[in-house]
Amino acid sequence: MNQIKHFINGEFVIGSTSKFFDKRSPVNNKVIAQVAEASQADVDTAVRAAHAALHGARLWLLRQGKRAEEARMISLTNNLCKK
């Protein structure tokens, strides 16, 4: 049986309750997977990890933008020196 875990902070983890519930097919009502239950603590952990990842992505994008701006300025300076 396929067990579906939570994906939190880059890892697949079982919830803190260590319990799973059955996921049934809407076609024939057969169990197609077991899904990890999430407690409030699991949700809080996932939200904190998502916020941290978003903050890290914003910083990365900001750095990339600064690098692009620096490259543009160097290019402009080189063009001016060639004239």
Protein backbone atom coordinates (compact mmCIF):
# COMPACT_ATOMS: atom_id res chain seq x y z
CA MET A 1 0.00 0.00 0.00
CA ASN A 2 1.33 3.43 -0.95
CA GLN A 3 1.87 5.63 2.10
CA ILE A 4 1.81 9.37 1.47
CA LYS A 5 3.84 11.39 3.97
CA HIS A 6 4.02 15.12 4.58
CA PHE A 7 6.67 17.08 2.66
CA ILE A 8 8.03 19.56 5.20
CA ASN A 9 11.30 21.46 4.98
CA GLY A 10 12.53 19.42 2.03
CA GLU A 11 11.81 16.02 3.60
CA PHE A 12 9.04 13.46 3.56
CA VAL A 13 7.97 12.96 7.17
CA ILE A 14 5.29 11.09 9.07
CA GLY A 15 3.08 13.33 11.18
CA SER A 16 3.67 13.61 14.91
CA THR A 17 0.65 11.37 15.52
CA SER A 18 2.25 8.56 13.44
CA LYS A 19 -1.27 7.77 12.19
CA PHE A 20 -2.48 7.31 8.63
CA PHE A 21 -5.94 7.43 7.12
CA ASP A 22 -7.21 5.60 4.06
CA LYS A 23 -7.64 7.47 0.79
CA ARG A 24 -10.34 5.83 -1.29
CA SER A 25 -10.96 5.90 -5.01
CA PRO A 26 -14.07 7.89 -5.93
CA VAL A 27 -14.70 5.36 -8.70
CA ASN A 28 -14.90 2.10 -6.75
CA ASN A 29 -14.32 3.11 -3.11
CA LYS A 30 -11.23 0.89 -2.86
CA VAL A 31 -8.35 2.07 -0.68
CA ILE A 32 -5.69 3.48 -3.02
CA ALA A 33 -3.29 4.99 -0.48
CA GLN A 34 -2.72 5.77 3.16
CA VAL A 35 -2.15 9.43 3.97
CA ALA A 36 -0.33 10.70 7.06
CA GLU A 37 -2.54 12.55 9.53
CA ALA A 38 -1.42 16.04 10.51
CA SER A 39 -1.69 17.57 13.94
CA GLN A 40 -1.79 21.31 14.59
CA ALA A 41 1.93 21.09 15.47
CA ASP A 42 2.64 19.48 12.06
CA VAL A 43 0.75 22.26 10.29
CA ASP A 44 2.60 24.93 12.30
CA THR A 45 5.94 23.31 11.42
CA ALA A 46 5.01 23.18 7.74
CA VAL A 47 3.92 26.83 7.72
CA ARG A 48 7.14 27.96 9.43
CA ALA A 49 9.21 25.96 6.93
CA ALA A 50 7.25 27.46 4.01
CA HIS A 51 7.75 30.99 5.32
CA ALA A 52 11.49 30.37 5.75
CA ALA A 53 11.74 28.95 2.22
CA LEU A 54 9.87 31.93 0.79
CA HIS A 55 12.12 34.36 2.67
CA GLY A 56 15.21 32.51 1.38
CA ALA A 57 13.86 32.60 -2.18
CA ARG A 58 13.24 36.34 -1.92
CA LEU A 59 16.79 36.92 -0.70
CA TRP A 60 18.16 34.78 -3.53
CA LEU A 61 16.12 36.71 -6.10
CA LEU A 62 17.26 39.99 -4.60
CA ARG A 63 20.90 38.88 -4.86
CA GLN A 64 20.36 37.76 -8.45
CA GLY A 65 18.86 41.14 -9.25
CA LYS A 66 21.82 42.92 -7.70
CA ARG A 67 24.22 40.74 -9.69
CA ALA A 68 22.33 41.51 -12.88
CA GLU A 69 22.47 45.23 -12.07
CA GLU A 70 26.21 44.99 -11.34
CA ALA A 71 26.78 43.19 -14.66
CA ARG A 72 24.78 45.85 -16.48
CA MET A 73 26.82 48.63 -14.86
CA ILE A 74 30.10 46.90 -15.75
CA SER A 75 28.90 46.54 -19.33
CA LEU A 76 27.95 50.22 -19.48
CA THR A 77 31.32 51.20 -18.04
CA ASN A 78 33.15 49.03 -20.59
CA ASN A 79 31.14 50.58 -23.40
CA LEU A 80 31.98 54.07 -22.20
CA CYS A 81 35.70 53.24 -21.94
CA LYS A 82 35.75 51.96 -25.51
CA LYS A 83 34.52 55.30 -26.86
